[in-house]
């Protein structure tokens, strides 16, 4: 099988994750994080919709990583985000990180709000 090297232009992929942290661009960040082409910032979880709403107009799809397993997010949070025009996809944080990287390599306007695993 032929493998192709992935390039991310000026955006930074999610390199890895572990118990309580995410590694983005070689730097480890503790706790929940919001990752997009503009950088990385702490995310306050489901009680912090303002951080996610700040991406309106900058991203087309927001992946919300719910931790080690896929879980429902609060219905009012989903409604606020979708009403603001953010496409929302819910998945486990490992899947959200992988999907973020794939779409990032395609030059898509995306973000990932990730709850830590473990």
PDB file of N, CA and C in Angstrom:
ATOM      1  N   UNK A   1       0.835  -1.161   0.000  1.00  0.00           N
ATOM      2  CA  UNK A   1       0.000   0.000   0.000  1.00  0.00           C
ATOM      3  C   UNK A   1       0.890   1.238   0.000  1.00  0.00           C
ATOM      4  N   UNK A   2       0.524   2.212  -0.788  1.00  0.00           N
ATOM      5  CA  UNK A   2       1.272   3.454  -0.857  1.00  0.00           C
ATOM      6  C   UNK A   2       0.730   4.438   0.182  1.00  0.00           C
ATOM      7  N   UNK A   3       1.623   5.063   0.921  1.00  0.00           N
ATOM      8  CA  UNK A   3       1.238   6.060   1.914  1.00  0.00           C
ATOM      9  C   UNK A   3       1.639   7.429   1.412  1.00  0.00           C
ATOM     10  N   UNK A   4       0.795   8.382   1.625  1.00  0.00           N
ATOM     11  CA  UNK A   4       1.085   9.755   1.225  1.00  0.00           C
ATOM     12  C   UNK A   4       1.339  10.602   2.456  1.00  0.00           C
ATOM     13  N   UNK A   5       2.345  11.429   2.362  1.00  0.00           N
ATOM     14  CA  UNK A   5       2.620  12.352   3.458  1.00  0.00           C
ATOM     15  C   UNK A   5       1.551  13.432   3.471  1.00  0.00           C
ATOM     16  N   UNK A   6       1.062  13.735   4.664  1.00  0.00           N
ATOM     17  CA  UNK A   6       0.030  14.755   4.807  1.00  0.00           C
ATOM     18  C   UNK A   6       0.697  16.065   5.180  1.00  0.00           C
ATOM     19  N   UNK A   7       0.304  17.124   4.497  1.00  0.00           N
ATOM     20  CA  UNK A   7       0.792  18.456   4.851  1.00  0.00           C
ATOM     21  C   UNK A   7      -0.380  19.283   5.365  1.00  0.00           C
ATOM     22  N   UNK A   8      -0.098  20.127   6.327  1.00  0.00           N
ATOM     23  CA  UNK A   8      -1.140  20.908   6.969  1.00  0.00           C
ATOM     24  C   UNK A   8      -0.993  22.398   6.708  1.00  0.00           C
ATOM     25  N   UNK A   9      -0.239  22.804   5.731  1.00  0.00           N
ATOM     26  CA  UNK A   9       0.034  24.212   5.415  1.00  0.00           C
ATOM     27  C   UNK A   9       0.400  24.961   6.692  1.00  0.00           C
ATOM     28  N   UNK A  10      -0.340  25.997   7.037  1.00  0.00           N
ATOM     29  CA  UNK A  10       0.013  26.779   8.227  1.00  0.00           C
ATOM     30  C   UNK A  10      -0.810  26.395   9.458  1.00  0.00           C
ATOM     31  N   UNK A  11      -1.647  25.376   9.345  1.00  0.00           N
ATOM     32  CA  UNK A  11      -2.458  24.933  10.471  1.00  0.00           C
ATOM     33  C   UNK A  11      -1.715  23.828  11.234  1.00  0.00           C
ATOM     34  N   UNK A  12      -2.085  23.636  12.472  1.00  0.00           N
ATOM     35  CA  UNK A  12      -1.394  22.669  13.325  1.00  0.00           C
ATOM     36  C   UNK A  12      -2.326  21.514  13.674  1.00  0.00           C
ATOM     37  N   UNK A  13      -1.909  20.270  13.407  1.00  0.00           N
ATOM     38  CA  UNK A  13      -2.749  19.114  13.724  1.00  0.00           C
ATOM     39  C   UNK A  13      -2.672  18.736  15.204  1.00  0.00           C
ATOM     40  N   UNK A  14      -3.602  17.892  15.603  1.00  0.00           N
ATOM     41  CA  UNK A  14      -3.583  17.306  16.935  1.00  0.00           C
ATOM     42  C   UNK A  14      -2.665  16.090  16.853  1.00  0.00           C
ATOM     43  N   UNK A  15      -1.550  16.138  17.583  1.00  0.00           N
ATOM     44  CA  UNK A  15      -0.533  15.083  17.528  1.00  0.00           C
ATOM     45  C   UNK A  15      -0.889  13.859  18.348  1.00  0.00           C
ATOM     46  N   UNK A  16      -1.601  14.061  19.440  1.00  0.00           N
ATOM     47  CA  UNK A  16      -1.907  12.938  20.311  1.00  0.00           C
ATOM     48  C   UNK A  16      -2.728  13.377  21.503  1.00  0.00           C
ATOM     49  N   UNK A  17      -3.047  12.395  22.342  1.00  0.00           N
ATOM     50  CA  UNK A  17      -3.822  12.668  23.551  1.00  0.00           C
ATOM     51  C   UNK A  17      -3.524  11.571  24.553  1.00  0.00           C
ATOM     52  N   UNK A  18      -3.852  11.840  25.780  1.00  0.00           N
ATOM     53  CA  UNK A  18      -3.662  10.866  26.842  1.00  0.00           C
ATOM     54  C   UNK A  18      -4.533  11.251  28.017  1.00  0.00           C
ATOM     55  N   UNK A  19      -4.351  10.599  29.152  1.00  0.00           N
ATOM     56  CA  UNK A  19      -5.181  10.906  30.318  1.00  0.00           C
ATOM     57  C   UNK A  19      -5.071  12.381  30.722  1.00  0.00           C
ATOM     58  N   UNK A  20      -6.097  13.149  30.403  1.00  0.00           N
ATOM     59  CA  UNK A  20      -6.160  14.539  30.834  1.00  0.00           C
ATOM     60  C   UNK A  20      -5.445  15.548  29.961  1.00  0.00           C
ATOM     61  N   UNK A  21      -4.902  15.158  28.808  1.00  0.00           N
ATOM     62  CA  UNK A  21      -4.186  16.138  27.986  1.00  0.00           C
ATOM     63  C   UNK A  21      -4.369  15.866  26.492  1.00  0.00           C
ATOM     64  N   UNK A  22      -4.071  16.901  25.704  1.00  0.00           N
ATOM     65  CA  UNK A  22      -4.002  16.814  24.246  1.00  0.00           C
ATOM     66  C   UNK A  22      -2.676  17.417  23.819  1.00  0.00           C
ATOM     67  N   UNK A  23      -2.050  16.839  22.810  1.00  0.00           N
ATOM     68  CA  UNK A  23      -0.804  17.391  22.283  1.00  0.00           C
ATOM     69  C   UNK A  23      -1.099  17.959  20.901  1.00  0.00           C
ATOM     70  N   UNK A  24      -0.848  19.251  20.753  1.00  0.00           N
ATOM     71  CA  UNK A  24      -1.107  19.957  19.502  1.00  0.00           C
ATOM     72  C   UNK A  24       0.177  20.655  19.094  1.00  0.00           C
ATOM     73  N   UNK A  25       0.664  20.333  17.908  1.00  0.00           N
ATOM     74  CA  UNK A  25       1.903  20.941  17.437  1.00  0.00           C
ATOM     75  C   UNK A  25       3.081  20.676  18.342  1.00  0.00           C
ATOM     76  N   UNK A  26       3.091  19.508  18.978  1.00  0.00           N
ATOM     77  CA  UNK A  26       4.202  19.134  19.852  1.00  0.00           C
ATOM     78  C   UNK A  26       4.111  19.682  21.265  1.00  0.00           C
ATOM     79  N   UNK A  27       3.073  20.438  21.587  1.00  0.00           N
ATOM     80  CA  UNK A  27       2.908  21.025  22.917  1.00  0.00           C
ATOM     81  C   UNK A  27       1.743  20.336  23.619  1.00  0.00           C
ATOM     82  N   UNK A  28       1.926  19.919  24.867  1.00  0.00           N
ATOM     83  CA  UNK A  28       0.867  19.279  25.644  1.00  0.00           C
ATOM     84  C   UNK A  28       0.024  20.338  26.344  1.00  0.00           C
ATOM     85  N   UNK A  29      -1.287  20.196  26.229  1.00  0.00           N
ATOM     86  CA  UNK A  29      -2.248  21.095  26.872  1.00  0.00           C
ATOM     87  C   UNK A  29      -3.118  20.262  27.800  1.00  0.00           C
ATOM     88  N   UNK A  30      -3.194  20.654  29.061  1.00  0.00           N
ATOM     89  CA  UNK A  30      -3.973  19.930  30.059  1.00  0.00           C
ATOM     90  C   UNK A  30      -5.440  20.313  29.991  1.00  0.00           C
ATOM     91  N   UNK A  31      -6.311  19.355  30.213  1.00  0.00           N
ATOM     92  CA  UNK A  31      -7.743  19.600  30.311  1.00  0.00           C
ATOM     93  C   UNK A  31      -8.422  19.745  28.966  1.00  0.00           C
ATOM     94  N   UNK A  32      -9.678  20.188  29.014  1.00  0.00           N
ATOM     95  CA  UNK A  32     -10.481  20.380  27.804  1.00  0.00           C
ATOM     96  C   UNK A  32      -9.889  21.514  26.969  1.00  0.00           C
ATOM     97  N   UNK A  33      -9.876  21.301  25.640  1.00  0.00           N
ATOM     98  CA  UNK A  33      -9.255  22.283  24.747  1.00  0.00           C
ATOM     99  C   UNK A  33     -10.137  22.559  23.535  1.00  0.00           C
ATOM    100  N   UNK A  34     -10.015  23.765  23.029  1.00  0.00           N
ATOM    101  CA  UNK A  34     -10.641  24.173  21.778  1.00  0.00           C
ATOM    102  C   UNK A  34      -9.513  24.369  20.775  1.00  0.00           C
ATOM    103  N   UNK A  35      -9.558  23.612  19.679  1.00  0.00           N
ATOM    104  CA  UNK A  35      -8.495  23.629  18.681  1.00  0.00           C
ATOM    105  C   UNK A  35      -9.100  24.046  17.350  1.00  0.00           C
ATOM    106  N   UNK A  36      -8.487  25.015  16.682  1.00  0.00           N
ATOM    107  CA  UNK A  36      -8.916  25.447  15.358  1.00  0.00           C
ATOM    108  C   UNK A  36      -7.700  25.991  14.638  1.00  0.00           C
ATOM    109  N   UNK A  37      -7.878  26.381  13.400  1.00  0.00           N
ATOM    110  CA  UNK A  37      -6.725  26.838  12.625  1.00  0.00           C
ATOM    111  C   UNK A  37      -6.074  28.069  13.242  1.00  0.00           C
ATOM    112  N   UNK A  38      -6.787  28.782  14.083  1.00  0.00           N
ATOM    113  CA  UNK A  38      -6.234  29.962  14.728  1.00  0.00           C
ATOM    114  C   UNK A  38      -5.449  29.676  15.992  1.00  0.00           C
ATOM    115  N   UNK A  39      -5.490  28.430  16.481  1.00  0.00           N
ATOM    116  CA  UNK A  39      -4.720  28.115  17.674  1.00  0.00           C
ATOM    117  C   UNK A  39      -5.401  27.119  18.581  1.00  0.00           C
ATOM    118  N   UNK A  40      -4.987  27.168  19.837  1.00  0.00           N
ATOM    119  CA  UNK A  40      -5.490  26.280  20.876  1.00  0.00           C
ATOM    120  C   UNK A  40      -5.803  27.137  22.091  1.00  0.00           C
ATOM    121  N   UNK A  41      -6.936  26.869  22.727  1.00  0.00           N
ATOM    122  CA  UNK A  41      -7.257  27.590  23.957  1.00  0.00           C
ATOM    123  C   UNK A  41      -8.021  26.668  24.893  1.00  0.00           C
ATOM    124  N   UNK A  42      -7.937  26.921  26.194  1.00  0.00           N
ATOM    125  CA  UNK A  42      -8.699  26.115  27.138  1.00  0.00           C
ATOM    126  C   UNK A  42     -10.190  26.260  26.859  1.00  0.00           C
ATOM    127  N   UNK A  43     -10.911  25.180  27.075  1.00  0.00           N
ATOM    128  CA  UNK A  43     -12.362  25.197  26.896  1.00  0.00           C
ATOM    129  C   UNK A  43     -13.007  24.766  28.199  1.00  0.00           C
ATOM    130  N   UNK A  44     -14.002  25.497  28.644  1.00  0.00           N
ATOM    131  CA  UNK A  44     -14.672  25.223  29.913  1.00  0.00           C
ATOM    132  C   UNK A  44     -15.718  24.136  29.854  1.00  0.00           C
ATOM    133  N   UNK A  45     -15.747  23.367  28.777  1.00  0.00           N
ATOM    134  CA  UNK A  45     -16.722  22.286  28.654  1.00  0.00           C
ATOM    135  C   UNK A  45     -18.098  22.794  28.255  1.00  0.00           C
ATOM    136  N   UNK A  46     -19.093  21.986  28.524  1.00  0.00           N
ATOM    137  CA  UNK A  46     -20.465  22.297  28.078  1.00  0.00           C
ATOM    138  C   UNK A  46     -21.004  23.606  28.645  1.00  0.00           C
ATOM    139  N   UNK A  47     -20.430  24.067  29.746  1.00  0.00           N
ATOM    140  CA  UNK A  47     -20.875  25.321  30.352  1.00  0.00           C
ATOM    141  C   UNK A  47     -20.188  26.541  29.756  1.00  0.00           C
ATOM    142  N   UNK A  48     -19.444  26.361  28.678  1.00  0.00           N
ATOM    143  CA  UNK A  48     -18.677  27.452  28.062  1.00  0.00           C
ATOM    144  C   UNK A  48     -19.038  27.609  26.576  1.00  0.00           C
ATOM    145  N   UNK A  49     -20.299  27.947  26.279  1.00  0.00           N
ATOM    146  CA  UNK A  49     -20.679  28.102  24.869  1.00  0.00           C
ATOM    147  C   UNK A  49     -20.055  29.333  24.213  1.00  0.00           C
ATOM    148  N   UNK A  50     -19.663  30.323  25.009  1.00  0.00           N
ATOM    149  CA  UNK A  50     -19.109  31.551  24.434  1.00  0.00           C
ATOM    150  C   UNK A  50     -17.848  31.286  23.625  1.00  0.00           C
ATOM    151  N   UNK A  51     -17.002  30.404  24.130  1.00  0.00           N
ATOM    152  CA  UNK A  51     -15.768  30.074  23.403  1.00  0.00           C
ATOM    153  C   UNK A  51     -16.101  29.477  22.042  1.00  0.00           C
ATOM    154  N   UNK A  52     -17.110  28.629  21.998  1.00  0.00           N
ATOM    155  CA  UNK A  52     -17.503  27.991  20.744  1.00  0.00           C
ATOM    156  C   UNK A  52     -18.177  28.997  19.811  1.00  0.00           C
ATOM    157  N   UNK A  53     -19.002  29.860  20.371  1.00  0.00           N
ATOM    158  CA  UNK A  53     -19.696  30.869  19.559  1.00  0.00           C
ATOM    159  C   UNK A  53     -18.729  31.882  18.957  1.00  0.00           C
ATOM    160  N   UNK A  54     -17.556  32.040  19.562  1.00  0.00           N
ATOM    161  CA  UNK A  54     -16.571  32.966  19.007  1.00  0.00           C
ATOM    162  C   UNK A  54     -16.059  32.498  17.646  1.00  0.00           C
ATOM    163  N   UNK A  55     -16.320  31.244  17.292  1.00  0.00           N
ATOM    164  CA  UNK A  55     -15.859  30.693  16.014  1.00  0.00           C
ATOM    165  C   UNK A  55     -16.875  30.868  14.880  1.00  0.00           C
ATOM    166  N   UNK A  56     -18.034  31.419  15.188  1.00  0.00           N
ATOM    167  CA  UNK A  56     -19.049  31.629  14.143  1.00  0.00           C
ATOM    168  C   UNK A  56     -18.455  32.503  13.050  1.00  0.00           C
ATOM    169  N   UNK A  57     -18.592  32.054  11.813  1.00  0.00           N
ATOM    170  CA  UNK A  57     -18.039  32.771  10.672  1.00  0.00           C
ATOM    171  C   UNK A  57     -16.624  32.365  10.318  1.00  0.00           C
ATOM    172  N   UNK A  58     -15.925  31.730  11.276  1.00  0.00           N
ATOM    173  CA  UNK A  58     -14.552  31.280  11.023  1.00  0.00           C
ATOM    174  C   UNK A  58     -14.480  29.809  10.662  1.00  0.00           C
ATOM    175  N   UNK A  59     -15.448  29.021  11.140  1.00  0.00           N
ATOM    176  CA  UNK A  59     -15.451  27.591  10.853  1.00  0.00           C
ATOM    177  C   UNK A  59     -16.826  27.174  10.342  1.00  0.00           C
ATOM    178  N   UNK A  60     -16.836  26.104   9.576  1.00  0.00           N
ATOM    179  CA  UNK A  60     -18.090  25.564   9.053  1.00  0.00           C
ATOM    180  C   UNK A  60     -18.597  24.404   9.905  1.00  0.00           C
ATOM    181  N   UNK A  61     -17.672  23.631  10.463  1.00  0.00           N
ATOM    182  CA  UNK A  61     -18.043  22.466  11.261  1.00  0.00           C
ATOM    183  C   UNK A  61     -17.246  22.473  12.561  1.00  0.00           C
ATOM    184  N   UNK A  62     -17.944  22.194  13.644  1.00  0.00           N
ATOM    185  CA  UNK A  62     -17.337  22.073  14.963  1.00  0.00           C
ATOM    186  C   UNK A  62     -17.521  20.640  15.440  1.00  0.00           C
ATOM    187  N   UNK A  63     -16.410  19.952  15.686  1.00  0.00           N
ATOM    188  CA  UNK A  63     -16.462  18.618  16.269  1.00  0.00           C
ATOM    189  C   UNK A  63     -16.406  18.769  17.774  1.00  0.00           C
ATOM    190  N   UNK A  64     -17.338  18.156  18.465  1.00  0.00           N
ATOM    191  CA  UNK A  64     -17.303  18.161  19.921  1.00  0.00           C
ATOM    192  C   UNK A  64     -16.946  16.750  20.369  1.00  0.00           C
ATOM    193  N   UNK A  65     -15.773  16.637  20.985  1.00  0.00           N
ATOM    194  CA  UNK A  65     -15.309  15.365  21.523  1.00  0.00           C
ATOM    195  C   UNK A  65     -15.796  15.224  22.943  1.00  0.00           C
ATOM    196  N   UNK A  66     -16.572  14.180  23.206  1.00  0.00           N
ATOM    197  CA  UNK A  66     -17.239  14.010  24.495  1.00  0.00           C
ATOM    198  C   UNK A  66     -16.447  13.169  25.489  1.00  0.00           C
ATOM    199  N   UNK A  67     -15.148  13.033  25.271  1.00  0.00           N
ATOM    200  CA  UNK A  67     -14.325  12.229  26.169  1.00  0.00           C
ATOM    201  C   UNK A  67     -14.045  10.871  25.546  1.00  0.00           C
ATOM    202  N   UNK A  68     -13.827   9.847  26.377  1.00  0.00           N
ATOM    203  CA  UNK A  68     -13.434   8.542  25.841  1.00  0.00           C
ATOM    204  C   UNK A  68     -14.544   7.832  25.059  1.00  0.00           C
ATOM    205  N   UNK A  69     -15.781   8.154  25.339  1.00  0.00           N
ATOM    206  CA  UNK A  69     -16.930   7.522  24.680  1.00  0.00           C
ATOM    207  C   UNK A  69     -17.837   8.605  24.104  1.00  0.00           C
ATOM    208  N   UNK A  70     -18.546   8.264  23.054  1.00  0.00           N
ATOM    209  CA  UNK A  70     -19.505   9.208  22.497  1.00  0.00           C
ATOM    210  C   UNK A  70     -20.677   9.340  23.469  1.00  0.00           C
ATOM    211  N   UNK A  71     -21.145  10.557  23.648  1.00  0.00           N
ATOM    212  CA  UNK A  71     -22.251  10.840  24.561  1.00  0.00           C
ATOM    213  C   UNK A  71     -23.034  12.032  24.017  1.00  0.00           C
ATOM    214  N   UNK A  72     -24.251  12.171  24.462  1.00  0.00           N
ATOM    215  CA  UNK A  72     -25.054  13.318  24.059  1.00  0.00           C
ATOM    216  C   UNK A  72     -24.528  14.574  24.752  1.00  0.00           C
ATOM    217  N   UNK A  73     -24.599  15.702  24.050  1.00  0.00           N
ATOM    218  CA  UNK A  73     -24.306  16.983  24.688  1.00  0.00           C
ATOM    219  C   UNK A  73     -25.640  17.570  25.123  1.00  0.00           C
ATOM    220  N   UNK A  74     -25.637  18.539  26.025  1.00  0.00           N
ATOM    221  CA  UNK A  74     -26.895  19.153  26.432  1.00  0.00           C
ATOM    222  C   UNK A  74     -27.648  19.719  25.223  1.00  0.00           C
ATOM    223  N   UNK A  75     -28.945  19.446  25.177  1.00  0.00           N
ATOM    224  CA  UNK A  75     -29.770  19.874  24.040  1.00  0.00           C
ATOM    225  C   UNK A  75     -29.734  21.392  23.853  1.00  0.00           C
ATOM    226  N   UNK A  76     -29.718  22.146  24.964  1.00  0.00           N
ATOM    227  CA  UNK A  76     -29.696  23.604  24.827  1.00  0.00           C
ATOM    228  C   UNK A  76     -28.385  24.097  24.224  1.00  0.00           C
ATOM    229  N   UNK A  77     -27.274  23.422  24.502  1.00  0.00           N
ATOM    230  CA  UNK A  77     -25.987  23.797  23.902  1.00  0.00           C
ATOM    231  C   UNK A  77     -26.023  23.546  22.404  1.00  0.00           C
ATOM    232  N   UNK A  78     -26.506  22.378  21.989  1.00  0.00           N
ATOM    233  CA  UNK A  78     -26.609  22.079  20.568  1.00  0.00           C
ATOM    234  C   UNK A  78     -27.493  23.116  19.861  1.00  0.00           C
ATOM    235  N   UNK A  79     -28.607  23.459  20.469  1.00  0.00           N
ATOM    236  CA  UNK A  79     -29.527  24.421  19.859  1.00  0.00           C
ATOM    237  C   UNK A  79     -28.871  25.796  19.701  1.00  0.00           C
ATOM    238  N   UNK A  80     -28.162  26.251  20.717  1.00  0.00           N
ATOM    239  CA  UNK A  80     -27.488  27.551  20.654  1.00  0.00           C
ATOM    240  C   UNK A  80     -26.456  27.566  19.525  1.00  0.00           C
ATOM    241  N   UNK A  81     -25.674  26.504  19.411  1.00  0.00           N
ATOM    242  CA  UNK A  81     -24.625  26.441  18.392  1.00  0.00           C
ATOM    243  C   UNK A  81     -25.211  26.368  16.987  1.00  0.00           C
ATOM    244  N   UNK A  82     -26.221  25.533  16.804  1.00  0.00           N
ATOM    245  CA  UNK A  82     -26.817  25.402  15.480  1.00  0.00           C
ATOM    246  C   UNK A  82     -27.582  26.659  15.074  1.00  0.00           C
ATOM    247  N   UNK A  83     -28.250  27.304  16.017  1.00  0.00           N
ATOM    248  CA  UNK A  83     -28.951  28.556  15.727  1.00  0.00           C
ATOM    249  C   UNK A  83     -27.964  29.629  15.297  1.00  0.00           C
ATOM    250  N   UNK A  84     -26.753  29.596  15.853  1.00  0.00           N
ATOM    251  CA  UNK A  84     -25.717  30.576  15.497  1.00  0.00           C
ATOM    252  C   UNK A  84     -25.071  30.273  14.145  1.00  0.00           C
ATOM    253  N   UNK A  85     -25.374  29.091  13.574  1.00  0.00           N
ATOM    254  CA  UNK A  85     -24.838  28.762  12.268  1.00  0.00           C
ATOM    255  C   UNK A  85     -23.650  27.822  12.266  1.00  0.00           C
ATOM    256  N   UNK A  86     -23.341  27.236  13.413  1.00  0.00           N
ATOM    257  CA  UNK A  86     -22.241  26.264  13.475  1.00  0.00           C
ATOM    258  C   UNK A  86     -22.777  24.862  13.208  1.00  0.00           C
ATOM    259  N   UNK A  87     -22.186  24.175  12.255  1.00  0.00           N
ATOM    260  CA  UNK A  87     -22.490  22.771  12.074  1.00  0.00           C
ATOM    261  C   UNK A  87     -21.805  22.005  13.188  1.00  0.00           C
ATOM    262  N   UNK A  88     -22.534  21.144  13.874  1.00  0.00           N
ATOM    263  CA  UNK A  88     -22.011  20.448  15.044  1.00  0.00           C
ATOM    264  C   UNK A  88     -22.032  18.945  14.799  1.00  0.00           C
ATOM    265  N   UNK A  89     -20.904  18.307  15.046  1.00  0.00           N
ATOM    266  CA  UNK A  89     -20.794  16.852  14.972  1.00  0.00           C
ATOM    267  C   UNK A  89     -20.277  16.354  16.316  1.00  0.00           C
ATOM    268  N   UNK A  90     -20.976  15.392  16.896  1.00  0.00           N
ATOM    269  CA  UNK A  90     -20.629  14.865  18.211  1.00  0.00           C
ATOM    270  C   UNK A  90     -19.973  13.499  18.046  1.00  0.00           C
ATOM    271  N   UNK A  91     -18.850  13.293  18.709  1.00  0.00           N
ATOM    272  CA  UNK A  91     -18.169  11.993  18.687  1.00  0.00           C
ATOM    273  C   UNK A  91     -17.246  11.903  19.886  1.00  0.00           C
ATOM    274  N   UNK A  92     -16.712  10.721  20.130  1.00  0.00           N
ATOM    275  CA  UNK A  92     -15.720  10.562  21.192  1.00  0.00           C
ATOM    276  C   UNK A  92     -14.500  11.413  20.847  1.00  0.00           C
ATOM    277  N   UNK A  93     -13.785  11.892  21.847  1.00  0.00           N
ATOM    278  CA  UNK A  93     -12.639  12.780  21.608  1.00  0.00           C
ATOM    279  C   UNK A  93     -11.565  12.167  20.701  1.00  0.00           C
ATOM    280  N   UNK A  94     -11.204  10.886  20.842  1.00  0.00           N
ATOM    281  CA  UNK A  94     -10.211  10.326  19.915  1.00  0.00           C
ATOM    282  C   UNK A  94     -10.666  10.396  18.456  1.00  0.00           C
ATOM    283  N   UNK A  95     -11.922  10.076  18.201  1.00  0.00           N
ATOM    284  CA  UNK A  95     -12.456  10.143  16.834  1.00  0.00           C
ATOM    285  C   UNK A  95     -12.517  11.588  16.351  1.00  0.00           C
ATOM    286  N   UNK A  96     -12.883  12.511  17.237  1.00  0.00           N
ATOM    287  CA  UNK A  96     -12.946  13.922  16.857  1.00  0.00           C
ATOM    288  C   UNK A  96     -11.566  14.443  16.474  1.00  0.00           C
ATOM    289  N   UNK A  97     -10.536  14.029  17.216  1.00  0.00           N
ATOM    290  CA  UNK A  97      -9.169  14.470  16.910  1.00  0.00           C
ATOM    291  C   UNK A  97      -8.716  13.930  15.556  1.00  0.00           C
ATOM    292  N   UNK A  98      -8.992  12.661  15.284  1.00  0.00           N
ATOM    293  CA  UNK A  98      -8.604  12.072  13.992  1.00  0.00           C
ATOM    294  C   UNK A  98      -9.346  12.733  12.835  1.00  0.00           C
ATOM    295  N   UNK A  99     -10.651  12.940  13.007  1.00  0.00           N
ATOM    296  CA  UNK A  99     -11.447  13.548  11.948  1.00  0.00           C
ATOM    297  C   UNK A  99     -11.011  14.986  11.708  1.00  0.00           C
ATOM    298  N   UNK A 100     -10.711  15.700  12.781  1.00  0.00           N
ATOM    299  CA  UNK A 100     -10.196  17.063  12.668  1.00  0.00           C
ATOM    300  C   UNK A 100      -8.942  17.077  11.799  1.00  0.00           C
ATOM    301  N   UNK A 101      -8.017  16.181  12.063  1.00  0.00           N
ATOM    302  CA  UNK A 101      -6.760  16.140  11.303  1.00  0.00           C
ATOM    303  C   UNK A 101      -6.993  15.842   9.827  1.00  0.00           C
ATOM    304  N   UNK A 102      -7.881  14.914   9.528  1.00  0.00           N
ATOM    305  CA  UNK A 102      -8.152  14.575   8.126  1.00  0.00           C
ATOM    306  C   UNK A 102      -8.714  15.785   7.393  1.00  0.00           C
ATOM    307  N   UNK A 103      -9.712  16.419   7.968  1.00  0.00           N
ATOM    308  CA  UNK A 103     -10.321  17.570   7.296  1.00  0.00           C
ATOM    309  C   UNK A 103      -9.389  18.777   7.283  1.00  0.00           C
ATOM    310  N   UNK A 104      -8.553  18.903   8.299  1.00  0.00           N
ATOM    311  CA  UNK A 104      -7.557  19.972   8.321  1.00  0.00           C
ATOM    312  C   UNK A 104      -6.595  19.820   7.146  1.00  0.00           C
ATOM    313  N   UNK A 105      -6.209  18.590   6.856  1.00  0.00           N
ATOM    314  CA  UNK A 105      -5.284  18.347   5.742  1.00  0.00           C
ATOM    315  C   UNK A 105      -5.922  18.683   4.396  1.00  0.00           C
ATOM    316  N   UNK A 106      -7.246  18.723   4.356  1.00  0.00           N
ATOM    317  CA  UNK A 106      -7.969  19.089   3.142  1.00  0.00           C
ATOM    318  C   UNK A 106      -8.216  20.593   3.048  1.00  0.00           C
ATOM    319  N   UNK A 107      -7.757  21.329   4.058  1.00  0.00           N
ATOM    320  CA  UNK A 107      -7.932  22.778   4.051  1.00  0.00           C
ATOM    321  C   UNK A 107      -9.311  23.241   4.472  1.00  0.00           C
ATOM    322  N   UNK A 108     -10.060  22.399   5.152  1.00  0.00           N
ATOM    323  CA  UNK A 108     -11.420  22.748   5.573  1.00  0.00           C
ATOM    324  C   UNK A 108     -11.402  23.694   6.763  1.00  0.00           C
ATOM    325  N   UNK A 109     -12.491  24.455   6.907  1.00  0.00           N
ATOM    326  CA  UNK A 109     -12.647  25.399   8.021  1.00  0.00           C
ATOM    327  C   UNK A 109     -13.341  24.664   9.171  1.00  0.00           C
ATOM    328  N   UNK A 110     -12.522  24.133  10.073  1.00  0.00           N
ATOM    329  CA  UNK A 110     -13.052  23.281  11.138  1.00  0.00           C
ATOM    330  C   UNK A 110     -12.462  23.658  12.490  1.00  0.00           C
ATOM    331  N   UNK A 111     -13.108  23.129  13.526  1.00  0.00           N
ATOM    332  CA  UNK A 111     -12.611  23.294  14.897  1.00  0.00           C
ATOM    333  C   UNK A 111     -12.993  22.043  15.674  1.00  0.00           C
ATOM    334  N   UNK A 112     -12.306  21.797  16.762  1.00  0.00           N
ATOM    335  CA  UNK A 112     -12.620  20.679  17.649  1.00  0.00           C
ATOM    336  C   UNK A 112     -12.612  21.178  19.091  1.00  0.00           C
ATOM    337  N   UNK A 113     -13.714  20.939  19.781  1.00  0.00           N
ATOM    338  CA  UNK A 113     -13.820  21.200  21.211  1.00  0.00           C
ATOM    339  C   UNK A 113     -13.740  19.836  21.884  1.00  0.00           C
ATOM    340  N   UNK A 114     -12.685  19.608  22.650  1.00  0.00           N
ATOM    341  CA  UNK A 114     -12.371  18.259  23.117  1.00  0.00           C
ATOM    342  C   UNK A 114     -12.347  18.154  24.639  1.00  0.00           C
ATOM    343  N   UNK A 115     -13.166  17.241  25.161  1.00  0.00           N
ATOM    344  CA  UNK A 115     -13.066  16.877  26.571  1.00  0.00           C
ATOM    345  C   UNK A 115     -12.003  15.801  26.689  1.00  0.00           C
ATOM    346  N   UNK A 116     -11.204  15.823  27.744  1.00  0.00           N
ATOM    347  CA  UNK A 116     -10.114  14.854  27.867  1.00  0.00           C
ATOM    348  C   UNK A 116     -10.608  13.423  28.059  1.00  0.00           C
ATOM    349  N   UNK A 117      -9.740  12.502  27.726  1.00  0.00           N
ATOM    350  CA  UNK A 117     -10.008  11.085  27.962  1.00  0.00           C
ATOM    351  C   UNK A 117      -9.284  10.685  29.239  1.00  0.00           C
ATOM    352  N   UNK A 118      -9.855   9.761  29.974  1.00  0.00           N
ATOM    353  CA  UNK A 118      -9.185   9.235  31.157  1.00  0.00           C
ATOM    354  C   UNK A 118      -8.965  10.183  32.280  1.00  0.00           C
TER     355      UNK A 118
END
